[in-house]
Amino acid sequence: MTSFFLTHAEVVVDPARPIESWGLSADGRARIAGAAAVAWHPGVRRLVSSTEQKAIDTAAIVAEAVGLAPSTDAALGEIDRSATGYLPLDEFEGVVDAFFATPDDSVRGWERAVDAQARIVAAVRALTADGDVTIVSHGAVGALLLADLRGVPISRALDQPGMGSVFTFDPSAWRATSGWSRVRVP
């Protein structure tokens, strides 16, 4: 069995809007145009995304390319960082570093890494119980899932190389079958 974990690509950052409502940028849409070639195979019968707009946009592009109707699952959402909302990039990166470095602690009111990991693992196990799935979600929860699939501690070293990245895993053996690779712009 081979399932896929795909992250949304580049987004339109708008600090005045809720993070969950940000959609893909033109660059992100261009990147995801090539995702079906690396994040789907004919045995995949389901395409499920988080309920955040950027993931929905990503799933819709892949779904159109492969002829599937995407669905959503709120449990695939990004780490809950509503306590801070939008943060400028430098500040955001520092908080993300702390999130991964202290997984048992809430950093600035964010969801704890151990809790986010338990949520994403449970969701992915449930979604893949009946066969291969392409899951469209977010980089941080992907890193948490990858740590569990590899049986290693939570670490930022497992974070995606950039937005619009994918890894494969065998849900029946519960192990990663690849590391991250970035979706190439066609």
Protein backbone atom coordinates (compact mmCIF):
# COMPACT_ATOMS: atom_id res chain seq x y z
CA MET A 1 0.00 0.00 0.00
CA THR A 2 1.13 3.54 -0.71
CA SER A 3 -0.60 6.66 0.55
CA PHE A 4 0.54 10.24 0.14
CA PHE A 5 0.84 13.24 2.44
CA LEU A 6 0.88 16.45 0.38
CA THR A 7 1.18 19.95 1.77
CA HIS A 8 -0.44 23.02 0.26
CA ALA A 9 1.84 25.17 -1.85
CA GLU A 10 2.59 28.90 -1.60
CA VAL A 11 -0.24 31.10 -0.32
CA VAL A 12 -1.45 34.67 -0.53
CA VAL A 13 -0.50 36.04 2.89
CA ASP A 14 -3.03 38.59 4.09
CA PRO A 15 -2.51 39.60 7.75
CA ALA A 16 -5.96 41.23 7.76
CA ARG A 17 -7.72 37.90 7.10
CA PRO A 18 -7.88 34.74 9.23
CA ILE A 19 -5.02 32.37 8.39
CA GLU A 20 -7.49 29.56 7.67
CA SER A 21 -9.00 31.59 4.82
CA TRP A 22 -5.76 32.19 2.92
CA GLY A 23 -5.79 30.63 -0.54
CA LEU A 24 -3.06 29.56 -2.93
CA SER A 25 -1.04 32.18 -4.75
CA ALA A 26 -0.42 32.02 -8.51
CA ASP A 27 2.96 30.40 -7.75
CA GLY A 28 1.26 27.89 -5.47
CA ARG A 29 -1.31 26.99 -8.12
CA ALA A 30 1.48 26.54 -10.67
CA ARG A 31 3.41 24.23 -8.31
CA ILE A 32 0.37 22.09 -7.47
CA ALA A 33 -0.44 21.65 -11.18
CA GLY A 34 2.26 18.96 -11.15
CA ALA A 35 1.25 17.31 -7.88
CA ALA A 36 -0.89 14.51 -9.35
CA ALA A 37 2.26 13.00 -10.88
CA VAL A 38 3.92 12.61 -7.45
CA ALA A 39 1.04 12.51 -4.93
CA TRP A 40 -1.41 10.07 -6.46
CA HIS A 41 -1.53 6.64 -8.14
CA PRO A 42 -4.47 4.75 -9.68
CA GLY A 43 -5.02 2.74 -6.48
CA VAL A 44 -5.82 5.92 -4.54
CA ARG A 45 -9.58 6.21 -4.36
CA ARG A 46 -9.85 9.08 -1.89
CA LEU A 47 -8.47 12.59 -1.71
CA VAL A 48 -9.01 14.30 1.66
CA SER A 49 -7.86 17.76 2.75
CA SER A 50 -7.97 19.87 5.85
CA THR A 51 -10.76 22.43 5.98
CA GLU A 52 -8.38 25.37 5.51
CA GLN A 53 -8.76 27.16 2.16
CA LYS A 54 -5.16 26.63 1.03
CA ALA A 55 -5.53 22.85 1.47
CA ILE A 56 -8.97 22.84 -0.17
CA ASP A 57 -7.52 24.73 -3.16
CA THR A 58 -4.65 22.23 -3.39
CA ALA A 59 -6.97 19.22 -3.19
CA ALA A 60 -9.28 20.68 -5.86
CA ILE A 61 -6.39 21.02 -8.33
CA VAL A 62 -5.20 17.45 -7.74
CA ALA A 63 -8.78 16.11 -7.80
CA GLU A 64 -9.49 17.73 -11.15
CA ALA A 65 -6.33 16.19 -12.61
CA VAL A 66 -7.21 12.66 -11.44
CA GLY A 67 -11.02 12.70 -11.63
CA LEU A 68 -11.81 12.37 -7.93
CA ALA A 69 -14.16 14.39 -5.77
CA PRO A 70 -12.20 15.68 -2.77
CA SER A 71 -13.55 15.68 0.76
CA THR A 72 -12.43 17.47 3.92
CA ASP A 73 -11.61 16.49 7.49
CA ALA A 74 -11.09 19.14 10.17
CA ALA A 75 -8.71 16.82 12.06
CA LEU A 76 -6.18 17.34 9.25
CA GLY A 77 -5.88 21.03 10.15
CA GLU A 78 -2.67 22.87 10.87
CA ILE A 79 -1.52 23.32 14.45
CA ASP A 80 -3.90 25.59 16.33
CA ARG A 81 -2.10 28.88 16.59
CA SER A 82 -5.17 31.05 17.06
CA ALA A 83 -3.74 32.38 20.34
CA THR A 84 -1.34 34.53 18.32
CA GLY A 85 -2.92 34.66 14.87
CA TYR A 86 -0.71 36.08 12.15
CA LEU A 87 2.92 36.67 13.13
CA PRO A 88 5.59 38.33 10.97
CA LEU A 89 7.83 35.67 9.37
CA ASP A 90 10.86 36.10 11.66
CA GLU A 91 8.73 35.94 14.80
CA PHE A 92 6.68 33.04 13.39
CA GLU A 93 9.81 30.98 12.64
CA GLY A 94 11.04 31.44 16.22
CA VAL A 95 7.74 30.25 17.66
CA VAL A 96 7.73 27.25 15.30
CA ASP A 97 11.25 26.38 16.46
CA ALA A 98 10.05 26.47 20.09
CA PHE A 99 6.94 24.43 19.19
CA PHE A 100 9.12 21.58 17.89
CA ALA A 101 11.80 21.94 20.59
CA THR A 102 9.34 21.66 23.50
CA PRO A 103 6.60 19.32 22.23
CA ASP A 104 5.00 18.84 25.67
CA ASP A 105 4.54 22.59 26.19
CA SER A 106 2.18 25.12 24.69
CA VAL A 107 4.27 27.89 23.15
CA ARG A 108 2.49 31.24 23.32
CA GLY A 109 -0.86 29.49 23.63
CA TRP A 110 -0.43 27.32 20.53
CA GLU A 111 -1.60 23.71 20.46
CA ARG A 112 1.06 21.46 21.97
CA ALA A 113 3.04 19.40 19.44
CA VAL A 114 2.18 16.14 21.24
CA ASP A 115 -1.53 16.95 21.00
CA ALA A 116 -1.32 17.94 17.33
CA GLN A 117 0.62 14.74 16.63
CA ALA A 118 -2.00 12.57 18.36
CA ARG A 119 -4.74 14.33 16.36
CA ILE A 120 -3.07 13.94 12.96
CA VAL A 121 -2.02 10.33 13.59
CA ALA A 122 -5.56 9.34 14.63
CA ALA A 123 -7.06 11.11 11.61
CA VAL A 124 -4.64 9.54 9.12
CA ARG A 125 -5.07 6.07 10.61
CA ALA A 126 -8.85 6.39 10.29
CA LEU A 127 -8.69 7.76 6.74
CA THR A 128 -6.36 5.03 5.50
CA ALA A 129 -8.14 2.11 7.21
CA ASP A 130 -9.93 1.21 3.97
CA GLY A 131 -7.10 1.78 1.48
CA ASP A 132 -4.74 4.29 -0.02
CA VAL A 133 -5.50 7.99 0.29
CA THR A 134 -3.89 11.24 -0.79
CA ILE A 135 -4.03 13.55 2.21
CA VAL A 136 -3.65 17.30 1.68
CA SER A 137 -2.65 19.16 4.80
CA HIS A 138 0.08 21.35 6.28
CA GLY A 139 3.82 21.19 6.84
CA ALA A 140 4.00 21.18 10.63
CA VAL A 141 1.44 18.40 11.08
CA GLY A 142 3.16 16.51 8.27
CA ALA A 143 6.41 16.67 10.24
CA LEU A 144 4.59 15.35 13.31
CA LEU A 145 3.06 12.50 11.28
CA LEU A 146 6.44 11.68 9.73
CA ALA A 147 8.02 11.44 13.19
CA ASP A 148 5.35 8.94 14.25
CA LEU A 149 5.69 6.92 11.04
CA ARG A 150 9.47 6.72 11.59
CA GLY A 151 9.15 6.06 15.31
CA VAL A 152 11.40 9.00 16.20
CA PRO A 153 11.00 12.02 18.49
CA ILE A 154 9.27 15.17 17.30
CA SER A 155 11.80 17.42 15.58
CA ARG A 156 11.80 20.38 13.24
CA ALA A 157 14.41 18.49 11.24
CA LEU A 158 11.45 16.53 9.83
CA ASP A 159 9.71 19.67 8.53
CA GLN A 160 8.98 20.00 4.81
CA PRO A 161 11.65 21.55 2.55
CA GLY A 162 9.11 24.11 1.31
CA MET A 163 5.40 24.52 0.72
CA GLY A 164 4.05 22.05 -1.79
CA SER A 165 5.97 18.99 -0.61
CA VAL A 166 5.01 15.32 -0.43
CA PHE A 167 6.05 12.07 1.23
CA THR A 168 4.74 8.53 0.88
CA PHE A 169 3.85 6.04 3.56
CA ASP A 170 2.52 2.53 3.95
CA PRO A 171 -0.53 2.81 6.21
CA SER A 172 -0.85 -0.94 6.77
CA ALA A 173 2.77 -1.23 8.03
CA TRP A 174 2.56 2.29 9.52
CA ARG A 175 5.91 3.42 8.18
CA ALA A 176 7.21 6.16 5.94
CA THR A 177 8.38 4.90 2.56
CA SER A 178 10.04 8.16 1.52
CA GLY A 179 11.17 11.45 2.91
CA TRP A 180 9.85 14.81 1.80
CA SER A 181 10.30 15.93 -1.79
CA ARG A 182 9.17 19.22 -3.21
CA VAL A 183 6.58 19.19 -5.98
CA ARG A 184 8.26 20.62 -9.06
CA VAL A 185 6.60 23.34 -11.06
CA PRO A 186 5.72 21.80 -14.46
